[in-house]
Amino acid sequence: MNALVPPRPRIALEIVHDFVCPWCYLGVRRLMRALSERTACGYDITWRPFLLNPDMPRSGMSRFDYVVRKFGGEERARRLYAAVTHLGAAEGVEFRFDRILHVPSSVDAHRLVGYGQPHGLATELVEALFVAHFTEGRDIGDIGTLAAIAAETGLEGLEALDFLRSREGADVVHGENLRAHRLGISGVPCFVIGDRMAVSGAQEPEVFHRLLDIAAVEAFDYVRG
């Protein structure tokens, strides 16, 4: 490395999310677009679990029962889904709510992301899980489906399946969910940028650009001493 060239600053990002939240998918996609346009710094991403439905049975439930419980009926759900579908199209996100016949518990999906972290595949798994649930209508609460997604993403499928068959990491997911609530996070997505700036919701990319620019200035100042 050239001693006259300062090291590339790195910015810490924490993303609190849940895989059954369409706004999380939209917000993550917008953040990733902003990151691709801000390349002067590197980014260290930590994916933090949040459970929108902490009482969801591990086996999940039918979409009909979920819609009635969550929204009071199909009509209100249809209006909300239409709005997010329209916004997603502008970001290249194809929401296909009609394909979601079963609403899963997301605990095992979060566990899989934690499993993929040491392999450097956490971010790839997050995107694959969002696509599987919201575009393909796959049941991401089923460990066989999760193992297949792991293999498609570059992990060893049988090893991932063995991990998912255990309960390893479940306490971490529930602990992270409690941590988020203790920090005052009651909804997702929530993005923490540079350890001190936080913003909630599926923000427009311009909002992320402004926050990343502030974090970059601070990171460069720190590197220069």
C-alpha atoms as a PDB file:
ATOM      1  CA  MET A   1       0.000   0.000   0.000  1.00  0.00           C
ATOM      2  CA  ASN A   2       1.265   3.503  -0.805  1.00  0.00           C
ATOM      3  CA  ALA A   3       2.129   5.099   2.533  1.00  0.00           C
ATOM      4  CA  LEU A   4       1.092   8.500   1.161  1.00  0.00           C
ATOM      5  CA  VAL A   5      -2.442   7.297   0.414  1.00  0.00           C
ATOM      6  CA  PRO A   6      -4.657   7.230   3.509  1.00  0.00           C
ATOM      7  CA  PRO A   7      -6.625   4.026   4.124  1.00  0.00           C
ATOM      8  CA  ARG A   8     -10.142   3.915   2.732  1.00  0.00           C
ATOM      9  CA  PRO A   9     -12.533   4.890   5.531  1.00  0.00           C
ATOM     10  CA  ARG A  10     -15.226   2.440   6.518  1.00  0.00           C
ATOM     11  CA  ILE A  11     -18.703   3.316   7.740  1.00  0.00           C
ATOM     12  CA  ALA A  12     -20.661   1.058  10.081  1.00  0.00           C
ATOM     13  CA  LEU A  13     -24.270   0.368   9.090  1.00  0.00           C
ATOM     14  CA  GLU A  14     -26.833  -1.433  11.216  1.00  0.00           C
ATOM     15  CA  ILE A  15     -30.046  -2.511   9.534  1.00  0.00           C
ATOM     16  CA  VAL A  16     -32.928  -3.609  11.750  1.00  0.00           C
ATOM     17  CA  HIS A  17     -35.398  -5.525   9.604  1.00  0.00           C
ATOM     18  CA  ASP A  18     -37.870  -8.355   9.244  1.00  0.00           C
ATOM     19  CA  PHE A  19     -38.338 -10.548   6.196  1.00  0.00           C
ATOM     20  CA  VAL A  20     -42.140 -10.369   6.224  1.00  0.00           C
ATOM     21  CA  CYS A  21     -42.063  -6.563   6.051  1.00  0.00           C
ATOM     22  CA  PRO A  22     -42.408  -5.218   2.486  1.00  0.00           C
ATOM     23  CA  TRP A  23     -41.224  -1.773   3.598  1.00  0.00           C
ATOM     24  CA  CYS A  24     -38.003  -3.406   4.809  1.00  0.00           C
ATOM     25  CA  TYR A  25     -37.392  -4.888   1.365  1.00  0.00           C
ATOM     26  CA  LEU A  26     -38.089  -1.546  -0.276  1.00  0.00           C
ATOM     27  CA  GLY A  27     -35.940   0.371   2.211  1.00  0.00           C
ATOM     28  CA  VAL A  28     -33.032  -2.057   1.920  1.00  0.00           C
ATOM     29  CA  ARG A  29     -33.158  -1.859  -1.878  1.00  0.00           C
ATOM     30  CA  ARG A  30     -33.064   1.952  -1.726  1.00  0.00           C
ATOM     31  CA  LEU A  31     -30.160   1.918   0.710  1.00  0.00           C
ATOM     32  CA  MET A  32     -28.207  -0.504  -1.469  1.00  0.00           C
ATOM     33  CA  ARG A  33     -28.716   1.757  -4.466  1.00  0.00           C
ATOM     34  CA  ALA A  34     -27.401   4.689  -2.446  1.00  0.00           C
ATOM     35  CA  LEU A  35     -24.364   2.650  -1.338  1.00  0.00           C
ATOM     36  CA  SER A  36     -23.582   1.729  -4.945  1.00  0.00           C
ATOM     37  CA  GLU A  37     -23.457   5.450  -5.733  1.00  0.00           C
ATOM     38  CA  ARG A  38     -21.261   6.338  -2.744  1.00  0.00           C
ATOM     39  CA  THR A  39     -18.063   4.347  -3.228  1.00  0.00           C
ATOM     40  CA  ALA A  40     -15.446   6.571  -1.582  1.00  0.00           C
ATOM     41  CA  CYS A  41     -15.947   4.647   1.658  1.00  0.00           C
ATOM     42  CA  GLY A  42     -16.354   0.997   2.487  1.00  0.00           C
ATOM     43  CA  TYR A  43     -19.351  -0.223   4.462  1.00  0.00           C
ATOM     44  CA  ASP A  44     -19.560  -2.729   7.295  1.00  0.00           C
ATOM     45  CA  ILE A  45     -23.162  -3.947   7.440  1.00  0.00           C
ATOM     46  CA  THR A  46     -24.690  -5.624  10.472  1.00  0.00           C
ATOM     47  CA  TRP A  47     -28.114  -7.184   9.919  1.00  0.00           C
ATOM     48  CA  ARG A  48     -30.186  -7.050  13.098  1.00  0.00           C
ATOM     49  CA  PRO A  49     -33.349  -9.160  13.437  1.00  0.00           C
ATOM     50  CA  PHE A  50     -36.729  -7.729  14.327  1.00  0.00           C
ATOM     51  CA  LEU A  51     -39.901  -9.785  14.735  1.00  0.00           C
ATOM     52  CA  LEU A  52     -43.038  -8.039  13.514  1.00  0.00           C
ATOM     53  CA  ASN A  53     -45.017 -11.105  14.548  1.00  0.00           C
ATOM     54  CA  PRO A  54     -43.244 -12.412  17.666  1.00  0.00           C
ATOM     55  CA  ASP A  55     -46.165 -14.697  18.530  1.00  0.00           C
ATOM     56  CA  MET A  56     -46.285 -16.311  15.086  1.00  0.00           C
ATOM     57  CA  PRO A  57     -46.204 -20.125  15.381  1.00  0.00           C
ATOM     58  CA  ARG A  58     -43.030 -21.651  13.984  1.00  0.00           C
ATOM     59  CA  SER A  59     -45.208 -23.330  11.352  1.00  0.00           C
ATOM     60  CA  GLY A  60     -46.642 -19.947  10.295  1.00  0.00           C
ATOM     61  CA  MET A  61     -50.249 -19.456   9.257  1.00  0.00           C
ATOM     62  CA  SER A  62     -52.380 -19.140   6.161  1.00  0.00           C
ATOM     63  CA  ARG A  63     -52.323 -15.800   4.403  1.00  0.00           C
ATOM     64  CA  PHE A  64     -56.104 -15.471   4.841  1.00  0.00           C
ATOM     65  CA  ASP A  65     -55.898 -15.835   8.625  1.00  0.00           C
ATOM     66  CA  TYR A  66     -52.915 -13.479   8.763  1.00  0.00           C
ATOM     67  CA  VAL A  67     -54.628 -10.767   6.709  1.00  0.00           C
ATOM     68  CA  VAL A  68     -57.720 -10.917   8.912  1.00  0.00           C
ATOM     69  CA  ARG A  69     -55.636 -10.704  12.085  1.00  0.00           C
ATOM     70  CA  LYS A  70     -53.222  -8.025  10.835  1.00  0.00           C
ATOM     71  CA  PHE A  71     -55.400  -5.810   8.660  1.00  0.00           C
ATOM     72  CA  GLY A  72     -58.953  -6.716   9.541  1.00  0.00           C
ATOM     73  CA  GLY A  73     -59.683  -8.120   6.106  1.00  0.00           C
ATOM     74  CA  GLU A  74     -58.622  -8.484   2.497  1.00  0.00           C
ATOM     75  CA  GLU A  75     -59.797  -5.077   1.268  1.00  0.00           C
ATOM     76  CA  ARG A  76     -57.527  -3.020   3.532  1.00  0.00           C
ATOM     77  CA  ALA A  77     -54.612  -5.349   2.844  1.00  0.00           C
ATOM     78  CA  ARG A  78     -55.164  -4.990  -0.900  1.00  0.00           C
ATOM     79  CA  ARG A  79     -54.954  -1.193  -0.696  1.00  0.00           C
ATOM     80  CA  LEU A  80     -51.727  -1.300   1.329  1.00  0.00           C
ATOM     81  CA  TYR A  81     -50.170  -3.904  -0.930  1.00  0.00           C
ATOM     82  CA  ALA A  82     -51.076  -1.897  -4.041  1.00  0.00           C
ATOM     83  CA  ALA A  83     -49.261   1.149  -2.663  1.00  0.00           C
ATOM     84  CA  VAL A  84     -46.047  -0.704  -1.847  1.00  0.00           C
ATOM     85  CA  THR A  85     -46.185  -2.617  -5.140  1.00  0.00           C
ATOM     86  CA  HIS A  86     -46.265   0.674  -7.033  1.00  0.00           C
ATOM     87  CA  LEU A  87     -43.292   2.059  -5.102  1.00  0.00           C
ATOM     88  CA  GLY A  88     -41.373  -1.180  -5.458  1.00  0.00           C
ATOM     89  CA  ALA A  89     -41.689  -1.171  -9.241  1.00  0.00           C
ATOM     90  CA  ALA A  90     -39.726   2.087  -9.380  1.00  0.00           C
ATOM     91  CA  GLU A  91     -36.861   0.370  -7.530  1.00  0.00           C
ATOM     92  CA  GLY A  92     -36.906  -2.812  -9.590  1.00  0.00           C
ATOM     93  CA  VAL A  93     -38.629  -4.745  -6.812  1.00  0.00           C
ATOM     94  CA  GLU A  94     -41.398  -7.057  -7.996  1.00  0.00           C
ATOM     95  CA  PHE A  95     -43.902  -7.568  -5.203  1.00  0.00           C
ATOM     96  CA  ARG A  96     -46.193 -10.524  -5.905  1.00  0.00           C
ATOM     97  CA  PHE A  97     -48.449 -10.688  -2.883  1.00  0.00           C
ATOM     98  CA  ASP A  98     -50.798 -12.961  -4.825  1.00  0.00           C
ATOM     99  CA  ARG A  99     -48.166 -15.694  -4.651  1.00  0.00           C
ATOM    100  CA  ILE A 100     -47.878 -15.572  -0.853  1.00  0.00           C
ATOM    101  CA  LEU A 101     -50.265 -18.277   0.337  1.00  0.00           C
ATOM    102  CA  HIS A 102     -48.568 -18.899   3.675  1.00  0.00           C
ATOM    103  CA  VAL A 103     -47.129 -16.298   6.059  1.00  0.00           C
ATOM    104  CA  PRO A 104     -44.088 -17.700   7.868  1.00  0.00           C
ATOM    105  CA  SER A 105     -42.387 -17.162  11.145  1.00  0.00           C
ATOM    106  CA  SER A 106     -39.209 -15.300  10.235  1.00  0.00           C
ATOM    107  CA  VAL A 107     -37.073 -16.619  13.112  1.00  0.00           C
ATOM    108  CA  ASP A 108     -35.354 -19.313  11.045  1.00  0.00           C
ATOM    109  CA  ALA A 109     -34.716 -16.914   8.151  1.00  0.00           C
ATOM    110  CA  HIS A 110     -32.961 -14.557  10.567  1.00  0.00           C
ATOM    111  CA  ARG A 111     -31.001 -17.500  11.956  1.00  0.00           C
ATOM    112  CA  LEU A 112     -29.847 -18.361   8.442  1.00  0.00           C
ATOM    113  CA  VAL A 113     -28.515 -14.851   7.900  1.00  0.00           C
ATOM    114  CA  GLY A 114     -26.564 -15.145  11.133  1.00  0.00           C
ATOM    115  CA  TYR A 115     -25.206 -18.486   9.934  1.00  0.00           C
ATOM    116  CA  GLY A 116     -24.107 -16.917   6.666  1.00  0.00           C
ATOM    117  CA  GLN A 117     -22.343 -13.973   8.307  1.00  0.00           C
ATOM    118  CA  PRO A 118     -18.969 -15.732   8.949  1.00  0.00           C
ATOM    119  CA  HIS A 119     -19.026 -16.886   5.317  1.00  0.00           C
ATOM    120  CA  GLY A 120     -19.397 -13.299   4.088  1.00  0.00           C
ATOM    121  CA  LEU A 121     -22.808 -14.046   2.585  1.00  0.00           C
ATOM    122  CA  ALA A 122     -25.211 -12.312   4.964  1.00  0.00           C
ATOM    123  CA  THR A 123     -26.131  -9.502   2.571  1.00  0.00           C
ATOM    124  CA  GLU A 124     -26.611 -11.920  -0.325  1.00  0.00           C
ATOM    125  CA  LEU A 125     -28.866 -14.068   1.864  1.00  0.00           C
ATOM    126  CA  VAL A 126     -30.968 -11.081   2.891  1.00  0.00           C
ATOM    127  CA  GLU A 127     -31.663 -10.185  -0.740  1.00  0.00           C
ATOM    128  CA  ALA A 128     -32.355 -13.815  -1.655  1.00  0.00           C
ATOM    129  CA  LEU A 129     -34.793 -14.224   1.238  1.00  0.00           C
ATOM    130  CA  PHE A 130     -36.689 -11.059   0.338  1.00  0.00           C
ATOM    131  CA  VAL A 131     -36.970 -12.217  -3.280  1.00  0.00           C
ATOM    132  CA  ALA A 132     -38.044 -15.701  -2.235  1.00  0.00           C
ATOM    133  CA  HIS A 133     -40.835 -14.394  -0.016  1.00  0.00           C
ATOM    134  CA  PHE A 134     -42.138 -11.339  -1.830  1.00  0.00           C
ATOM    135  CA  THR A 135     -41.528 -12.199  -5.487  1.00  0.00           C
ATOM    136  CA  GLU A 136     -41.519 -15.972  -5.691  1.00  0.00           C
ATOM    137  CA  GLY A 137     -43.972 -16.751  -2.893  1.00  0.00           C
ATOM    138  CA  ARG A 138     -41.706 -19.417  -1.376  1.00  0.00           C
ATOM    139  CA  ASP A 139     -42.222 -20.390   2.257  1.00  0.00           C
ATOM    140  CA  ILE A 140     -39.177 -18.942   4.038  1.00  0.00           C
ATOM    141  CA  GLY A 141     -40.389 -20.472   7.281  1.00  0.00           C
ATOM    142  CA  ASP A 142     -39.728 -23.960   5.908  1.00  0.00           C
ATOM    143  CA  ILE A 143     -36.207 -25.158   6.698  1.00  0.00           C
ATOM    144  CA  GLY A 144     -35.991 -27.190   3.491  1.00  0.00           C
ATOM    145  CA  THR A 145     -36.749 -24.059   1.485  1.00  0.00           C
ATOM    146  CA  LEU A 146     -34.228 -22.084   3.545  1.00  0.00           C
ATOM    147  CA  ALA A 147     -31.536 -24.700   2.959  1.00  0.00           C
ATOM    148  CA  ALA A 148     -32.211 -24.529  -0.781  1.00  0.00           C
ATOM    149  CA  ILE A 149     -31.889 -20.731  -0.681  1.00  0.00           C
ATOM    150  CA  ALA A 150     -28.629 -21.132   1.258  1.00  0.00           C
ATOM    151  CA  ALA A 151     -27.270 -23.425  -1.458  1.00  0.00           C
ATOM    152  CA  GLU A 152     -28.401 -21.047  -4.208  1.00  0.00           C
ATOM    153  CA  THR A 153     -26.531 -18.255  -2.434  1.00  0.00           C
ATOM    154  CA  GLY A 154     -23.259 -20.166  -2.163  1.00  0.00           C
ATOM    155  CA  LEU A 155     -23.455 -22.025   1.143  1.00  0.00           C
ATOM    156  CA  GLU A 156     -23.267 -25.796   1.507  1.00  0.00           C
ATOM    157  CA  GLY A 157     -26.915 -26.804   1.520  1.00  0.00           C
ATOM    158  CA  LEU A 158     -26.720 -29.913   3.710  1.00  0.00           C
ATOM    159  CA  GLU A 159     -24.624 -28.131   6.317  1.00  0.00           C
ATOM    160  CA  ALA A 160     -27.110 -25.260   6.333  1.00  0.00           C
ATOM    161  CA  LEU A 161     -29.948 -27.766   6.734  1.00  0.00           C
ATOM    162  CA  ASP A 162     -28.224 -29.372   9.723  1.00  0.00           C
ATOM    163  CA  PHE A 163     -27.852 -25.939  11.300  1.00  0.00           C
ATOM    164  CA  LEU A 164     -31.504 -25.067  10.663  1.00  0.00           C
ATOM    165  CA  ARG A 165     -32.675 -28.356  12.163  1.00  0.00           C
ATOM    166  CA  SER A 166     -31.046 -27.316  15.416  1.00  0.00           C
ATOM    167  CA  ARG A 167     -32.258 -24.362  17.438  1.00  0.00           C
ATOM    168  CA  GLU A 168     -28.836 -22.740  17.431  1.00  0.00           C
ATOM    169  CA  GLY A 169     -29.089 -18.992  17.089  1.00  0.00           C
ATOM    170  CA  ALA A 170     -32.792 -18.745  17.968  1.00  0.00           C
ATOM    171  CA  ASP A 171     -31.962 -17.131  21.293  1.00  0.00           C
ATOM    172  CA  VAL A 172     -29.842 -14.572  19.438  1.00  0.00           C
ATOM    173  CA  VAL A 173     -32.763 -13.635  17.194  1.00  0.00           C
ATOM    174  CA  HIS A 174     -35.127 -13.211  20.136  1.00  0.00           C
ATOM    175  CA  GLY A 175     -32.453 -11.308  22.052  1.00  0.00           C
ATOM    176  CA  GLU A 176     -31.921  -8.910  19.155  1.00  0.00           C
ATOM    177  CA  ASN A 177     -35.674  -8.359  18.921  1.00  0.00           C
ATOM    178  CA  LEU A 178     -35.808  -7.457  22.631  1.00  0.00           C
ATOM    179  CA  ARG A 179     -32.751  -5.205  22.230  1.00  0.00           C
ATOM    180  CA  ALA A 180     -34.463  -3.285  19.437  1.00  0.00           C
ATOM    181  CA  HIS A 181     -37.557  -2.673  21.561  1.00  0.00           C
ATOM    182  CA  ARG A 182     -35.425  -1.549  24.496  1.00  0.00           C
ATOM    183  CA  LEU A 183     -33.754   0.960  22.189  1.00  0.00           C
ATOM    184  CA  GLY A 184     -37.185   2.340  21.300  1.00  0.00           C
ATOM    185  CA  ILE A 185     -37.486   0.719  17.889  1.00  0.00           C
ATOM    186  CA  SER A 186     -41.129  -0.211  17.446  1.00  0.00           C
ATOM    187  CA  GLY A 187     -41.213  -0.549  13.664  1.00  0.00           C
ATOM    188  CA  VAL A 188     -38.915  -1.430  10.809  1.00  0.00           C
ATOM    189  CA  PRO A 189     -36.879  -0.856   8.777  1.00  0.00           C
ATOM    190  CA  CYS A 190     -34.529   1.156  10.954  1.00  0.00           C
ATOM    191  CA  PHE A 191     -31.088   2.174   9.709  1.00  0.00           C
ATOM    192  CA  VAL A 192     -28.212   3.267  11.951  1.00  0.00           C
ATOM    193  CA  ILE A 193     -25.442   4.966   9.979  1.00  0.00           C
ATOM    194  CA  GLY A 194     -22.007   5.668  11.362  1.00  0.00           C
ATOM    195  CA  ASP A 195     -22.970   4.533  14.886  1.00  0.00           C
ATOM    196  CA  ARG A 196     -24.927   7.700  15.654  1.00  0.00           C
ATOM    197  CA  MET A 197     -27.410   8.677  12.913  1.00  0.00           C
ATOM    198  CA  ALA A 198     -30.643   6.698  12.767  1.00  0.00           C
ATOM    199  CA  VAL A 199     -33.549   6.862  10.366  1.00  0.00           C
ATOM    200  CA  SER A 200     -36.655   4.708  10.138  1.00  0.00           C
ATOM    201  CA  GLY A 201     -38.823   3.732   7.222  1.00  0.00           C
ATOM    202  CA  ALA A 202     -38.269   3.057   3.520  1.00  0.00           C
ATOM    203  CA  GLN A 203     -36.591   6.403   2.940  1.00  0.00           C
ATOM    204  CA  GLU A 204     -35.962   7.868  -0.494  1.00  0.00           C
ATOM    205  CA  PRO A 205     -32.378   7.323  -1.729  1.00  0.00           C
ATOM    206  CA  GLU A 206     -31.720  11.069  -1.395  1.00  0.00           C
ATOM    207  CA  VAL A 207     -32.147  10.785   2.372  1.00  0.00           C
ATOM    208  CA  PHE A 208     -29.596   7.993   2.501  1.00  0.00           C
ATOM    209  CA  HIS A 209     -27.247  10.034   0.306  1.00  0.00           C
ATOM    210  CA  ARG A 210     -27.299  12.929   2.768  1.00  0.00           C
ATOM    211  CA  LEU A 211     -26.659  10.715   5.785  1.00  0.00           C
ATOM    212  CA  LEU A 212     -23.908   8.778   4.024  1.00  0.00           C
ATOM    213  CA  ASP A 213     -22.233  12.032   2.982  1.00  0.00           C
ATOM    214  CA  ILE A 214     -22.213  13.251   6.590  1.00  0.00           C
ATOM    215  CA  ALA A 215     -20.838   9.920   7.783  1.00  0.00           C
ATOM    216  CA  ALA A 216     -18.181   9.978   5.048  1.00  0.00           C
ATOM    217  CA  VAL A 217     -16.947  13.444   6.082  1.00  0.00           C
ATOM    218  CA  GLU A 218     -16.658  12.275   9.681  1.00  0.00           C
ATOM    219  CA  ALA A 219     -14.905   9.064   8.624  1.00  0.00           C
ATOM    220  CA  PHE A 220     -12.357  10.924   6.479  1.00  0.00           C
ATOM    221  CA  ASP A 221     -11.716  13.392   9.305  1.00  0.00           C
ATOM    222  CA  TYR A 222     -11.083  10.476  11.660  1.00  0.00           C
ATOM    223  CA  VAL A 223      -8.662   8.790   9.223  1.00  0.00           C
ATOM    224  CA  ARG A 224      -6.736  12.036   8.754  1.00  0.00           C
ATOM    225  CA  GLY A 225      -6.519  12.395  12.536  1.00  0.00           C
END
